[in-house]
PDB file of N, CA and C in Angstrom:
ATOM      1  N   UNK A   1      26.083 234.784 -18.042  1.00  0.00           N
ATOM      2  CA  UNK A   1      27.215 233.861 -17.398  1.00  0.00           C
ATOM      3  C   UNK A   1      26.976 233.946 -15.852  1.00  0.00           C
ATOM      4  N   UNK A   2      26.838 235.258 -15.584  1.00  0.00           N
ATOM      5  CA  UNK A   2      26.516 235.485 -13.991  1.00  0.00           C
ATOM      6  C   UNK A   2      25.231 234.944 -13.641  1.00  0.00           C
ATOM      7  N   UNK A   3      24.250 234.988 -14.392  1.00  0.00           N
ATOM      8  CA  UNK A   3      23.047 234.504 -14.138  1.00  0.00           C
ATOM      9  C   UNK A   3      23.042 233.018 -13.981  1.00  0.00           C
ATOM     10  N   UNK A   4      23.820 232.444 -14.849  1.00  0.00           N
ATOM     11  CA  UNK A   4      23.765 230.829 -14.758  1.00  0.00           C
ATOM     12  C   UNK A   4      24.621 230.513 -13.559  1.00  0.00           C
ATOM     13  N   UNK A   5      25.713 231.177 -13.085  1.00  0.00           N
ATOM     14  CA  UNK A   5      26.490 230.932 -11.812  1.00  0.00           C
ATOM     15  C   UNK A   5      25.582 230.988 -10.657  1.00  0.00           C
ATOM     16  N   UNK A   6      24.886 232.100 -10.615  1.00  0.00           N
ATOM     17  CA  UNK A   6      24.009 232.190  -9.508  1.00  0.00           C
ATOM     18  C   UNK A   6      23.019 231.302  -9.379  1.00  0.00           C
ATOM     19  N   UNK A   7      22.306 230.655 -10.329  1.00  0.00           N
ATOM     20  CA  UNK A   7      21.465 229.686 -10.351  1.00  0.00           C
ATOM     21  C   UNK A   7      21.999 228.375  -9.954  1.00  0.00           C
ATOM     22  N   UNK A   8      23.372 228.211 -10.472  1.00  0.00           N
ATOM     23  CA  UNK A   8      24.032 226.852  -9.946  1.00  0.00           C
ATOM     24  C   UNK A   8      24.153 226.988  -8.328  1.00  0.00           C
ATOM     25  N   UNK A   9      24.690 228.176  -7.987  1.00  0.00           N
ATOM     26  CA  UNK A   9      24.894 228.444  -6.527  1.00  0.00           C
ATOM     27  C   UNK A   9      23.537 228.453  -5.703  1.00  0.00           C
ATOM     28  N   UNK A  10      22.499 228.618  -6.098  1.00  0.00           N
ATOM     29  CA  UNK A  10      21.124 228.340  -5.642  1.00  0.00           C
ATOM     30  C   UNK A  10      20.820 227.099  -5.393  1.00  0.00           C
ATOM     31  N   UNK A  11      21.055 226.276  -6.609  1.00  0.00           N
ATOM     32  CA  UNK A  11      20.870 224.754  -6.732  1.00  0.00           C
ATOM     33  C   UNK A  11      21.753 224.158  -5.559  1.00  0.00           C
ATOM     34  N   UNK A  12      22.753 224.446  -5.552  1.00  0.00           N
ATOM     35  CA  UNK A  12      23.855 224.005  -4.649  1.00  0.00           C
ATOM     36  C   UNK A  12      23.263 223.998  -3.104  1.00  0.00           C
ATOM     37  N   UNK A  13      22.841 225.413  -2.849  1.00  0.00           N
ATOM     38  CA  UNK A  13      22.371 225.779  -1.490  1.00  0.00           C
ATOM     39  C   UNK A  13      21.202 224.887  -0.970  1.00  0.00           C
ATOM     40  N   UNK A  14      20.092 224.505  -2.191  1.00  0.00           N
ATOM     41  CA  UNK A  14      18.961 223.802  -1.931  1.00  0.00           C
ATOM     42  C   UNK A  14      19.345 222.246  -1.758  1.00  0.00           C
ATOM     43  N   UNK A  15      20.388 221.806  -2.650  1.00  0.00           N
ATOM     44  CA  UNK A  15      20.821 220.461  -2.458  1.00  0.00           C
ATOM     45  C   UNK A  15      21.385 220.202  -1.032  1.00  0.00           C
ATOM     46  N   UNK A  16      22.134 221.184  -0.525  1.00  0.00           N
ATOM     47  CA  UNK A  16      22.767 221.008   0.632  1.00  0.00           C
ATOM     48  C   UNK A  16      21.681 220.559   1.760  1.00  0.00           C
ATOM     49  N   UNK A  17      20.618 221.439   1.687  1.00  0.00           N
ATOM     50  CA  UNK A  17      19.675 221.312   2.700  1.00  0.00           C
ATOM     51  C   UNK A  17      18.829 219.955   2.388  1.00  0.00           C
ATOM     52  N   UNK A  18      18.715 219.859   1.150  1.00  0.00           N
ATOM     53  CA  UNK A  18      17.713 218.713   0.661  1.00  0.00           C
ATOM     54  C   UNK A  18      18.728 217.215   1.267  1.00  0.00           C
ATOM     55  N   UNK A  19      19.905 217.240   1.193  1.00  0.00           N
ATOM     56  CA  UNK A  19      20.850 216.249   1.573  1.00  0.00           C
ATOM     57  C   UNK A  19      20.791 216.037   3.129  1.00  0.00           C
ATOM     58  N   UNK A  20      20.751 217.421   3.701  1.00  0.00           N
ATOM     59  CA  UNK A  20      20.404 217.298   5.328  1.00  0.00           C
ATOM     60  C   UNK A  20      19.242 216.532   5.679  1.00  0.00           C
ATOM     61  N   UNK A  21      17.983 216.971   5.213  1.00  0.00           N
ATOM     62  CA  UNK A  21      16.747 216.305   5.272  1.00  0.00           C
ATOM     63  C   UNK A  21      16.721 215.018   4.748  1.00  0.00           C
ATOM     64  N   UNK A  22      17.425 214.490   3.838  1.00  0.00           N
ATOM     65  CA  UNK A  22      17.345 213.015   3.451  1.00  0.00           C
ATOM     66  C   UNK A  22      18.020 212.076   4.338  1.00  0.00           C
ATOM     67  N   UNK A  23      19.104 212.714   4.945  1.00  0.00           N
ATOM     68  CA  UNK A  23      20.063 212.096   5.874  1.00  0.00           C
ATOM     69  C   UNK A  23      19.029 211.744   7.104  1.00  0.00           C
ATOM     70  N   UNK A  24      17.989 212.584   7.414  1.00  0.00           N
ATOM     71  CA  UNK A  24      17.074 212.314   8.542  1.00  0.00           C
ATOM     72  C   UNK A  24      16.185 211.318   8.207  1.00  0.00           C
ATOM     73  N   UNK A  25      15.864 211.049   6.813  1.00  0.00           N
ATOM     74  CA  UNK A  25      14.773 210.121   6.349  1.00  0.00           C
ATOM     75  C   UNK A  25      14.955 208.832   6.651  1.00  0.00           C
ATOM     76  N   UNK A  26      14.173 208.165   7.385  1.00  0.00           N
ATOM     77  CA  UNK A  26      14.449 206.794   7.597  1.00  0.00           C
ATOM     78  C   UNK A  26      14.390 205.776   6.545  1.00  0.00           C
ATOM     79  N   UNK A  27      14.021 206.229   5.147  1.00  0.00           N
ATOM     80  CA  UNK A  27      14.074 205.282   4.215  1.00  0.00           C
ATOM     81  C   UNK A  27      15.394 205.394   3.547  1.00  0.00           C
ATOM     82  N   UNK A  28      16.294 206.381   3.707  1.00  0.00           N
ATOM     83  CA  UNK A  28      17.584 206.419   3.283  1.00  0.00           C
ATOM     84  C   UNK A  28      18.507 205.582   3.792  1.00  0.00           C
ATOM     85  N   UNK A  29      19.365 204.737   3.117  1.00  0.00           N
ATOM     86  CA  UNK A  29      20.322 203.798   3.519  1.00  0.00           C
ATOM     87  C   UNK A  29      21.257 204.274   4.293  1.00  0.00           C
ATOM     88  N   UNK A  30      21.943 203.595   5.337  1.00  0.00           N
ATOM     89  CA  UNK A  30      22.689 204.083   6.283  1.00  0.00           C
ATOM     90  C   UNK A  30      24.002 204.759   5.737  1.00  0.00           C
ATOM     91  N   UNK A  31      24.446 204.194   4.656  1.00  0.00           N
ATOM     92  CA  UNK A  31      25.910 204.797   4.165  1.00  0.00           C
ATOM     93  C   UNK A  31      25.652 206.022   3.576  1.00  0.00           C
ATOM     94  N   UNK A  32      24.368 206.229   3.055  1.00  0.00           N
ATOM     95  CA  UNK A  32      24.189 207.674   2.377  1.00  0.00           C
ATOM     96  C   UNK A  32      23.729 208.578   3.478  1.00  0.00           C
ATOM     97  N   UNK A  33      23.300 208.248   4.665  1.00  0.00           N
ATOM     98  CA  UNK A  33      23.138 209.188   5.735  1.00  0.00           C
ATOM     99  C   UNK A  33      24.452 209.374   6.234  1.00  0.00           C
ATOM    100  N   UNK A  34      25.258 208.557   6.440  1.00  0.00           N
ATOM    101  CA  UNK A  34      26.606 209.012   7.023  1.00  0.00           C
ATOM    102  C   UNK A  34      27.512 209.962   6.128  1.00  0.00           C
ATOM    103  N   UNK A  35      27.484 209.713   4.778  1.00  0.00           N
ATOM    104  CA  UNK A  35      28.220 210.747   4.001  1.00  0.00           C
ATOM    105  C   UNK A  35      27.506 211.974   3.853  1.00  0.00           C
ATOM    106  N   UNK A  36      26.062 211.882   3.959  1.00  0.00           N
ATOM    107  CA  UNK A  36      25.134 213.192   3.852  1.00  0.00           C
ATOM    108  C   UNK A  36      25.208 213.830   5.166  1.00  0.00           C
ATOM    109  N   UNK A  37      25.454 213.516   6.316  1.00  0.00           N
ATOM    110  CA  UNK A  37      25.566 214.156   7.498  1.00  0.00           C
ATOM    111  C   UNK A  37      27.016 214.919   7.368  1.00  0.00           C
ATOM    112  N   UNK A  38      28.028 214.158   6.924  1.00  0.00           N
ATOM    113  CA  UNK A  38      29.393 214.630   6.822  1.00  0.00           C
ATOM    114  C   UNK A  38      29.456 215.849   5.702  1.00  0.00           C
ATOM    115  N   UNK A  39      28.705 215.677   4.684  1.00  0.00           N
ATOM    116  CA  UNK A  39      28.936 216.686   3.595  1.00  0.00           C
ATOM    117  C   UNK A  39      27.999 218.015   4.061  1.00  0.00           C
ATOM    118  N   UNK A  40      26.886 217.699   4.530  1.00  0.00           N
ATOM    119  CA  UNK A  40      25.898 218.831   4.901  1.00  0.00           C
ATOM    120  C   UNK A  40      26.624 219.479   6.332  1.00  0.00           C
ATOM    121  N   UNK A  41      27.325 218.584   7.060  1.00  0.00           N
ATOM    122  CA  UNK A  41      27.927 219.480   8.297  1.00  0.00           C
ATOM    123  C   UNK A  41      29.086 220.229   7.817  1.00  0.00           C
ATOM    124  N   UNK A  42      29.950 219.911   6.789  1.00  0.00           N
ATOM    125  CA  UNK A  42      31.107 220.396   6.457  1.00  0.00           C
ATOM    126  C   UNK A  42      30.443 221.568   5.732  1.00  0.00           C
ATOM    127  N   UNK A  43      29.231 221.718   4.982  1.00  0.00           N
ATOM    128  CA  UNK A  43      28.807 222.592   4.133  1.00  0.00           C
ATOM    129  C   UNK A  43      28.293 224.023   4.965  1.00  0.00           C
ATOM    130  N   UNK A  44      27.578 223.620   6.043  1.00  0.00           N
ATOM    131  CA  UNK A  44      26.908 224.445   7.059  1.00  0.00           C
ATOM    132  C   UNK A  44      27.829 224.734   8.061  1.00  0.00           C
ATOM    133  N   UNK A  45      29.063 224.288   8.160  1.00  0.00           N
ATOM    134  CA  UNK A  45      29.970 224.745   9.192  1.00  0.00           C
ATOM    135  C   UNK A  45      30.486 226.059   9.034  1.00  0.00           C
ATOM    136  N   UNK A  46      30.695 226.862   9.993  1.00  0.00           N
ATOM    137  CA  UNK A  46      31.457 228.153   9.798  1.00  0.00           C
ATOM    138  C   UNK A  46      33.025 227.852   9.830  1.00  0.00           C
ATOM    139  N   UNK A  47      33.316 226.697  10.006  1.00  0.00           N
ATOM    140  CA  UNK A  47      34.803 226.386  10.090  1.00  0.00           C
ATOM    141  C   UNK A  47      35.095 225.522   8.954  1.00  0.00           C
ATOM    142  N   UNK A  48      36.091 225.801   8.089  1.00  0.00           N
ATOM    143  CA  UNK A  48      36.606 224.921   6.929  1.00  0.00           C
ATOM    144  C   UNK A  48      37.856 224.263   7.159  1.00  0.00           C
ATOM    145  N   UNK A  49      38.127 223.292   6.434  1.00  0.00           N
ATOM    146  CA  UNK A  49      39.465 222.702   6.260  1.00  0.00           C
ATOM    147  C   UNK A  49      40.586 223.610   5.974  1.00  0.00           C
ATOM    148  N   UNK A  50      40.348 224.436   4.972  1.00  0.00           N
ATOM    149  CA  UNK A  50      41.113 225.636   4.676  1.00  0.00           C
ATOM    150  C   UNK A  50      40.443 226.814   4.797  1.00  0.00           C
ATOM    151  N   UNK A  51      40.996 227.614   5.615  1.00  0.00           N
ATOM    152  CA  UNK A  51      40.209 228.870   5.990  1.00  0.00           C
ATOM    153  C   UNK A  51      40.016 229.737   4.859  1.00  0.00           C
ATOM    154  N   UNK A  52      38.811 230.563   4.793  1.00  0.00           N
ATOM    155  CA  UNK A  52      38.582 231.364   3.604  1.00  0.00           C
ATOM    156  C   UNK A  52      39.524 232.467   3.347  1.00  0.00           C
ATOM    157  N   UNK A  53      40.237 232.926   4.498  1.00  0.00           N
ATOM    158  CA  UNK A  53      41.133 234.170   4.259  1.00  0.00           C
ATOM    159  C   UNK A  53      42.284 233.871   3.648  1.00  0.00           C
ATOM    160  N   UNK A  54      42.640 232.663   3.147  1.00  0.00           N
ATOM    161  CA  UNK A  54      43.808 231.948   2.496  1.00  0.00           C
ATOM    162  C   UNK A  54      43.442 232.269   1.099  1.00  0.00           C
ATOM    163  N   UNK A  55      44.262 233.118   0.378  1.00  0.00           N
ATOM    164  CA  UNK A  55      43.859 233.497  -1.003  1.00  0.00           C
ATOM    165  C   UNK A  55      43.550 232.233  -1.800  1.00  0.00           C
ATOM    166  N   UNK A  56      42.721 232.445  -2.859  1.00  0.00           N
ATOM    167  CA  UNK A  56      42.423 231.292  -3.657  1.00  0.00           C
ATOM    168  C   UNK A  56      42.008 229.767  -3.019  1.00  0.00           C
ATOM    169  N   UNK A  57      42.819 229.319  -2.235  1.00  0.00           N
ATOM    170  CA  UNK A  57      42.582 228.008  -1.779  1.00  0.00           C
ATOM    171  C   UNK A  57      41.563 228.108  -0.801  1.00  0.00           C
ATOM    172  N   UNK A  58      41.324 229.043   0.049  1.00  0.00           N
ATOM    173  CA  UNK A  58      40.126 228.919   0.862  1.00  0.00           C
ATOM    174  C   UNK A  58      38.755 228.926   0.471  1.00  0.00           C
ATOM    175  N   UNK A  59      38.558 229.394  -0.709  1.00  0.00           N
ATOM    176  CA  UNK A  59      37.273 229.151  -1.414  1.00  0.00           C
ATOM    177  C   UNK A  59      37.243 228.101  -2.399  1.00  0.00           C
ATOM    178  N   UNK A  60      38.371 227.753  -2.935  1.00  0.00           N
ATOM    179  CA  UNK A  60      38.538 226.585  -3.740  1.00  0.00           C
ATOM    180  C   UNK A  60      38.081 225.246  -3.115  1.00  0.00           C
ATOM    181  N   UNK A  61      38.467 225.148  -1.730  1.00  0.00           N
ATOM    182  CA  UNK A  61      38.034 223.858  -1.447  1.00  0.00           C
ATOM    183  C   UNK A  61      36.539 223.635  -1.089  1.00  0.00           C
ATOM    184  N   UNK A  62      35.884 224.775  -0.882  1.00  0.00           N
ATOM    185  CA  UNK A  62      34.423 224.843  -0.837  1.00  0.00           C
ATOM    186  C   UNK A  62      33.693 224.479  -2.103  1.00  0.00           C
ATOM    187  N   UNK A  63      34.393 225.113  -3.232  1.00  0.00           N
ATOM    188  CA  UNK A  63      33.870 224.909  -4.660  1.00  0.00           C
ATOM    189  C   UNK A  63      34.000 223.699  -5.035  1.00  0.00           C
ATOM    190  N   UNK A  64      34.861 222.921  -4.546  1.00  0.00           N
ATOM    191  CA  UNK A  64      35.195 221.473  -5.077  1.00  0.00           C
ATOM    192  C   UNK A  64      34.857 220.461  -3.974  1.00  0.00           C
ATOM    193  N   UNK A  65      35.065 220.558  -2.921  1.00  0.00           N
ATOM    194  CA  UNK A  65      34.562 219.523  -1.848  1.00  0.00           C
ATOM    195  C   UNK A  65      32.974 219.228  -1.843  1.00  0.00           C
ATOM    196  N   UNK A  66      32.300 220.669  -1.582  1.00  0.00           N
ATOM    197  CA  UNK A  66      30.830 220.484  -1.219  1.00  0.00           C
ATOM    198  C   UNK A  66      29.954 220.055  -2.621  1.00  0.00           C
ATOM    199  N   UNK A  67      30.301 220.394  -3.648  1.00  0.00           N
ATOM    200  CA  UNK A  67      29.463 219.849  -4.796  1.00  0.00           C
ATOM    201  C   UNK A  67      29.823 218.537  -5.208  1.00  0.00           C
ATOM    202  N   UNK A  68      31.113 218.103  -5.043  1.00  0.00           N
ATOM    203  CA  UNK A  68      31.469 216.683  -5.343  1.00  0.00           C
ATOM    204  C   UNK A  68      30.705 215.674  -4.129  1.00  0.00           C
ATOM    205  N   UNK A  69      30.741 216.200  -2.915  1.00  0.00           N
ATOM    206  CA  UNK A  69      30.062 215.462  -1.859  1.00  0.00           C
ATOM    207  C   UNK A  69      28.535 215.302  -2.085  1.00  0.00           C
ATOM    208  N   UNK A  70      28.122 216.515  -2.429  1.00  0.00           N
ATOM    209  CA  UNK A  70      26.718 216.352  -2.639  1.00  0.00           C
ATOM    210  C   UNK A  70      26.153 215.468  -3.735  1.00  0.00           C
ATOM    211  N   UNK A  71      27.099 215.505  -5.000  1.00  0.00           N
ATOM    212  CA  UNK A  71      26.893 214.715  -6.175  1.00  0.00           C
ATOM    213  C   UNK A  71      26.976 213.243  -5.728  1.00  0.00           C
ATOM    214  N   UNK A  72      27.849 212.974  -4.797  1.00  0.00           N
ATOM    215  CA  UNK A  72      28.111 211.460  -4.359  1.00  0.00           C
ATOM    216  C   UNK A  72      26.978 210.908  -3.434  1.00  0.00           C
ATOM    217  N   UNK A  73      26.458 212.088  -2.516  1.00  0.00           N
ATOM    218  CA  UNK A  73      25.371 211.564  -1.660  1.00  0.00           C
ATOM    219  C   UNK A  73      24.060 211.438  -2.588  1.00  0.00           C
ATOM    220  N   UNK A  74      23.741 212.206  -3.466  1.00  0.00           N
ATOM    221  CA  UNK A  74      22.675 212.262  -4.239  1.00  0.00           C
ATOM    222  C   UNK A  74      22.546 210.831  -5.082  1.00  0.00           C
ATOM    223  N   UNK A  75      23.583 210.526  -5.646  1.00  0.00           N
ATOM    224  CA  UNK A  75      23.897 209.233  -6.262  1.00  0.00           C
ATOM    225  C   UNK A  75      23.387 207.993  -5.442  1.00  0.00           C
ATOM    226  N   UNK A  76      23.710 208.225  -4.119  1.00  0.00           N
ATOM    227  CA  UNK A  76      23.423 207.018  -3.172  1.00  0.00           C
ATOM    228  C   UNK A  76      21.916 207.285  -2.662  1.00  0.00           C
ATOM    229  N   UNK A  77      21.132 208.233  -2.725  1.00  0.00           N
ATOM    230  CA  UNK A  77      19.884 208.091  -2.247  1.00  0.00           C
ATOM    231  C   UNK A  77      18.878 207.950  -3.244  1.00  0.00           C
ATOM    232  N   UNK A  78      17.835 207.104  -2.914  1.00  0.00           N
ATOM    233  CA  UNK A  78      16.836 206.778  -4.019  1.00  0.00           C
ATOM    234  C   UNK A  78      16.194 208.216  -4.500  1.00  0.00           C
ATOM    235  N   UNK A  79      16.033 207.962  -5.826  1.00  0.00           N
ATOM    236  CA  UNK A  79      15.441 209.239  -6.483  1.00  0.00           C
ATOM    237  C   UNK A  79      14.282 209.648  -6.063  1.00  0.00           C
ATOM    238  N   UNK A  80      13.419 208.882  -5.570  1.00  0.00           N
ATOM    239  CA  UNK A  80      12.037 209.502  -5.206  1.00  0.00           C
ATOM    240  C   UNK A  80      12.215 210.201  -3.808  1.00  0.00           C
ATOM    241  N   UNK A  81      13.163 209.668  -2.995  1.00  0.00           N
ATOM    242  CA  UNK A  81      13.496 210.350  -1.644  1.00  0.00           C
ATOM    243  C   UNK A  81      13.974 211.634  -1.618  1.00  0.00           C
ATOM    244  N   UNK A  82      15.048 211.602  -2.731  1.00  0.00           N
ATOM    245  CA  UNK A  82      15.732 213.107  -3.158  1.00  0.00           C
ATOM    246  C   UNK A  82      14.795 214.013  -3.626  1.00  0.00           C
ATOM    247  N   UNK A  83      13.836 213.666  -4.541  1.00  0.00           N
ATOM    248  CA  UNK A  83      12.871 214.513  -5.119  1.00  0.00           C
ATOM    249  C   UNK A  83      11.895 215.238  -3.959  1.00  0.00           C
ATOM    250  N   UNK A  84      11.607 214.249  -2.894  1.00  0.00           N
ATOM    251  CA  UNK A  84      10.657 214.826  -1.886  1.00  0.00           C
ATOM    252  C   UNK A  84      11.552 215.930  -1.054  1.00  0.00           C
ATOM    253  N   UNK A  85      12.845 215.456  -0.758  1.00  0.00           N
ATOM    254  CA  UNK A  85      13.594 216.310  -0.054  1.00  0.00           C
ATOM    255  C   UNK A  85      13.931 217.707  -0.638  1.00  0.00           C
ATOM    256  N   UNK A  86      13.956 217.522  -2.106  1.00  0.00           N
ATOM    257  CA  UNK A  86      14.422 218.919  -2.680  1.00  0.00           C
ATOM    258  C   UNK A  86      13.195 219.866  -2.754  1.00  0.00           C
ATOM    259  N   UNK A  87      11.919 219.271  -2.629  1.00  0.00           N
ATOM    260  CA  UNK A  87      10.773 220.208  -2.698  1.00  0.00           C
ATOM    261  C   UNK A  87      10.619 220.581  -1.403  1.00  0.00           C
ATOM    262  N   UNK A  88      10.941 220.017  -0.057  1.00  0.00           N
ATOM    263  CA  UNK A  88      10.793 220.301   0.993  1.00  0.00           C
ATOM    264  C   UNK A  88      11.839 221.518   1.362  1.00  0.00           C
ATOM    265  N   UNK A  89      13.038 221.391   0.635  1.00  0.00           N
ATOM    266  CA  UNK A  89      14.204 222.262   0.995  1.00  0.00           C
ATOM    267  C   UNK A  89      13.799 223.717   0.252  1.00  0.00           C
ATOM    268  N   UNK A  90      13.270 223.297  -0.925  1.00  0.00           N
ATOM    269  CA  UNK A  90      12.729 224.513  -1.595  1.00  0.00           C
ATOM    270  C   UNK A  90      11.601 225.464  -0.853  1.00  0.00           C
ATOM    271  N   UNK A  91      10.618 224.700  -0.305  1.00  0.00           N
ATOM    272  CA  UNK A  91       9.703 225.180   0.692  1.00  0.00           C
ATOM    273  C   UNK A  91      10.195 225.929   2.048  1.00  0.00           C
ATOM    274  N   UNK A  92      11.269 225.380   2.433  1.00  0.00           N
ATOM    275  CA  UNK A  92      11.879 225.909   3.511  1.00  0.00           C
ATOM    276  C   UNK A  92      12.614 227.158   3.277  1.00  0.00           C
ATOM    277  N   UNK A  93      13.297 227.152   2.429  1.00  0.00           N
ATOM    278  CA  UNK A  93      14.142 228.474   1.991  1.00  0.00           C
ATOM    279  C   UNK A  93      15.259 228.982   2.791  1.00  0.00           C
ATOM    280  N   UNK A  94      15.290 228.511   4.044  1.00  0.00           N
ATOM    281  CA  UNK A  94      16.414 228.877   4.884  1.00  0.00           C
ATOM    282  C   UNK A  94      17.203 227.676   5.333  1.00  0.00           C
ATOM    283  N   UNK A  95      18.668 227.875   5.124  1.00  0.00           N
ATOM    284  CA  UNK A  95      19.426 226.734   5.632  1.00  0.00           C
ATOM    285  C   UNK A  95      20.009 226.970   6.982  1.00  0.00           C
ATOM    286  N   UNK A  96      19.909 225.994   7.866  1.00  0.00           N
ATOM    287  CA  UNK A  96      20.202 226.098   9.347  1.00  0.00           C
ATOM    288  C   UNK A  96      21.751 225.917   9.521  1.00  0.00           C
ATOM    289  N   UNK A  97      22.250 226.424  10.466  1.00  0.00           N
ATOM    290  CA  UNK A  97      23.655 226.541  10.681  1.00  0.00           C
ATOM    291  C   UNK A  97      23.951 225.395  11.573  1.00  0.00           C
ATOM    292  N   UNK A  98      24.681 224.416  11.222  1.00  0.00           N
ATOM    293  CA  UNK A  98      25.218 223.383  12.234  1.00  0.00           C
ATOM    294  C   UNK A  98      26.140 223.678  13.195  1.00  0.00           C
ATOM    295  N   UNK A  99      25.758 223.994  14.282  1.00  0.00           N
ATOM    296  CA  UNK A  99      26.754 224.139  15.369  1.00  0.00           C
ATOM    297  C   UNK A  99      27.391 223.033  15.785  1.00  0.00           C
ATOM    298  N   UNK A 100      26.679 221.940  15.957  1.00  0.00           N
ATOM    299  CA  UNK A 100      27.329 220.604  16.370  1.00  0.00           C
ATOM    300  C   UNK A 100      28.527 220.391  15.431  1.00  0.00           C
ATOM    301  N   UNK A 101      28.254 220.465  14.005  1.00  0.00           N
ATOM    302  CA  UNK A 101      29.361 220.360  12.952  1.00  0.00           C
ATOM    303  C   UNK A 101      30.694 221.040  13.625  1.00  0.00           C
ATOM    304  N   UNK A 102      30.074 222.404  13.561  1.00  0.00           N
ATOM    305  CA  UNK A 102      31.347 223.296  13.871  1.00  0.00           C
ATOM    306  C   UNK A 102      32.001 223.068  15.239  1.00  0.00           C
ATOM    307  N   UNK A 103      31.479 222.414  16.173  1.00  0.00           N
ATOM    308  CA  UNK A 103      32.174 222.322  17.500  1.00  0.00           C
ATOM    309  C   UNK A 103      32.928 221.009  17.237  1.00  0.00           C
ATOM    310  N   UNK A 104      32.486 219.969  16.343  1.00  0.00           N
ATOM    311  CA  UNK A 104      33.172 218.515  16.028  1.00  0.00           C
ATOM    312  C   UNK A 104      34.169 219.261  15.347  1.00  0.00           C
ATOM    313  N   UNK A 105      34.239 219.805  14.341  1.00  0.00           N
ATOM    314  CA  UNK A 105      35.489 220.408  13.518  1.00  0.00           C
ATOM    315  C   UNK A 105      36.453 220.933  14.244  1.00  0.00           C
ATOM    316  N   UNK A 106      36.011 221.944  14.949  1.00  0.00           N
ATOM    317  CA  UNK A 106      37.071 222.754  16.025  1.00  0.00           C
ATOM    318  C   UNK A 106      37.779 221.875  16.957  1.00  0.00           C
ATOM    319  N   UNK A 107      37.051 220.831  17.524  1.00  0.00           N
ATOM    320  CA  UNK A 107      37.703 219.837  18.579  1.00  0.00           C
ATOM    321  C   UNK A 107      38.798 219.027  17.618  1.00  0.00           C
ATOM    322  N   UNK A 108      38.356 218.714  16.453  1.00  0.00           N
ATOM    323  CA  UNK A 108      39.369 217.928  15.536  1.00  0.00           C
ATOM    324  C   UNK A 108      40.627 218.643  15.353  1.00  0.00           C
ATOM    325  N   UNK A 109      40.365 220.120  14.987  1.00  0.00           N
ATOM    326  CA  UNK A 109      41.665 220.788  14.786  1.00  0.00           C
ATOM    327  C   UNK A 109      42.296 221.049  16.011  1.00  0.00           C
ATOM    328  N   UNK A 110      41.687 221.316  17.125  1.00  0.00           N
ATOM    329  CA  UNK A 110      42.383 221.573  18.437  1.00  0.00           C
ATOM    330  C   UNK A 110      43.048 220.364  18.741  1.00  0.00           C
ATOM    331  N   UNK A 111      42.674 219.139  18.846  1.00  0.00           N
ATOM    332  CA  UNK A 111      43.284 217.918  19.073  1.00  0.00           C
ATOM    333  C   UNK A 111      44.413 217.652  17.982  1.00  0.00           C
ATOM    334  N   UNK A 112      44.520 218.160  16.749  1.00  0.00           N
ATOM    335  CA  UNK A 112      45.533 217.913  15.756  1.00  0.00           C
ATOM    336  C   UNK A 112      46.515 218.820  16.477  1.00  0.00           C
ATOM    337  N   UNK A 113      46.348 220.000  16.563  1.00  0.00           N
ATOM    338  CA  UNK A 113      47.270 221.088  17.106  1.00  0.00           C
ATOM    339  C   UNK A 113      47.977 220.702  18.387  1.00  0.00           C
ATOM    340  N   UNK A 114      47.140 220.046  19.446  1.00  0.00           N
ATOM    341  CA  UNK A 114      47.718 219.750  20.554  1.00  0.00           C
ATOM    342  C   UNK A 114      48.670 218.533  20.114  1.00  0.00           C
ATOM    343  N   UNK A 115      48.351 217.475  19.277  1.00  0.00           N
ATOM    344  CA  UNK A 115      49.051 216.388  19.046  1.00  0.00           C
ATOM    345  C   UNK A 115      50.360 216.610  18.231  1.00  0.00           C
ATOM    346  N   UNK A 116      50.428 217.649  17.355  1.00  0.00           N
ATOM    347  CA  UNK A 116      51.492 218.045  16.775  1.00  0.00           C
ATOM    348  C   UNK A 116      52.338 218.848  17.980  1.00  0.00           C
ATOM    349  N   UNK A 117      51.857 219.640  18.762  1.00  0.00           N
ATOM    350  CA  UNK A 117      52.694 220.320  19.618  1.00  0.00           C
ATOM    351  C   UNK A 117      53.338 219.247  20.569  1.00  0.00           C
ATOM    352  N   UNK A 118      52.596 218.293  21.035  1.00  0.00           N
ATOM    353  CA  UNK A 118      53.149 217.189  21.939  1.00  0.00           C
ATOM    354  C   UNK A 118      54.316 216.294  21.235  1.00  0.00           C
ATOM    355  N   UNK A 119      54.079 216.082  19.994  1.00  0.00           N
ATOM    356  CA  UNK A 119      55.293 215.475  19.226  1.00  0.00           C
ATOM    357  C   UNK A 119      56.429 216.161  19.092  1.00  0.00           C
ATOM    358  N   UNK A 120      56.048 217.654  18.727  1.00  0.00           N
ATOM    359  CA  UNK A 120      57.172 218.460  18.476  1.00  0.00           C
ATOM    360  C   UNK A 120      57.985 218.929  19.797  1.00  0.00           C
ATOM    361  N   UNK A 121      57.277 218.878  20.895  1.00  0.00           N
ATOM    362  CA  UNK A 121      57.849 218.954  22.313  1.00  0.00           C
ATOM    363  C   UNK A 121      58.757 217.598  22.591  1.00  0.00           C
ATOM    364  N   UNK A 122      58.182 216.608  22.300  1.00  0.00           N
ATOM    365  CA  UNK A 122      59.024 215.238  22.589  1.00  0.00           C
ATOM    366  C   UNK A 122      59.983 215.219  21.706  1.00  0.00           C
ATOM    367  N   UNK A 123      60.201 215.418  20.531  1.00  0.00           N
ATOM    368  CA  UNK A 123      61.167 215.554  19.704  1.00  0.00           C
ATOM    369  C   UNK A 123      62.310 216.373  19.972  1.00  0.00           C
ATOM    370  N   UNK A 124      61.826 217.660  20.157  1.00  0.00           N
ATOM    371  CA  UNK A 124      62.866 218.688  20.231  1.00  0.00           C
ATOM    372  C   UNK A 124      63.402 218.906  21.741  1.00  0.00           C
ATOM    373  N   UNK A 125      62.730 218.105  22.729  1.00  0.00           N
ATOM    374  CA  UNK A 125      63.312 218.349  24.191  1.00  0.00           C
ATOM    375  C   UNK A 125      64.139 217.513  24.351  1.00  0.00           C
ATOM    376  N   UNK A 126      64.556 216.322  23.610  1.00  0.00           N
ATOM    377  CA  UNK A 126      65.519 215.396  24.031  1.00  0.00           C
ATOM    378  C   UNK A 126      67.152 215.933  23.455  1.00  0.00           C
TER     379      UNK A 126
END
């Protein structure tokens, strides 16, 4: 069971990078590129929607969102392109960290906190 789970995790890692590569391929449809960049950015980002230190939920979002996102993107990308990118991902072996996605997600969180704070201030100051 543990070996099967480890193989599945390795496949997910490879597919995350393959999706990232496919998003940069000019033959990939634009809608698949947009979703691929979102999924790869989320998967490679050190910042999560639900932080990992929250028991169970912190890792549960990664175990559900990333595989479902990858599955959706893989279905949108033509099979021949996906096979090429999977081979390239297997050769690369190392997954890059998306600092741009981390900054974007941090900015979204900061804007959300600021907006909630502003609304709270306006609501309670009257």
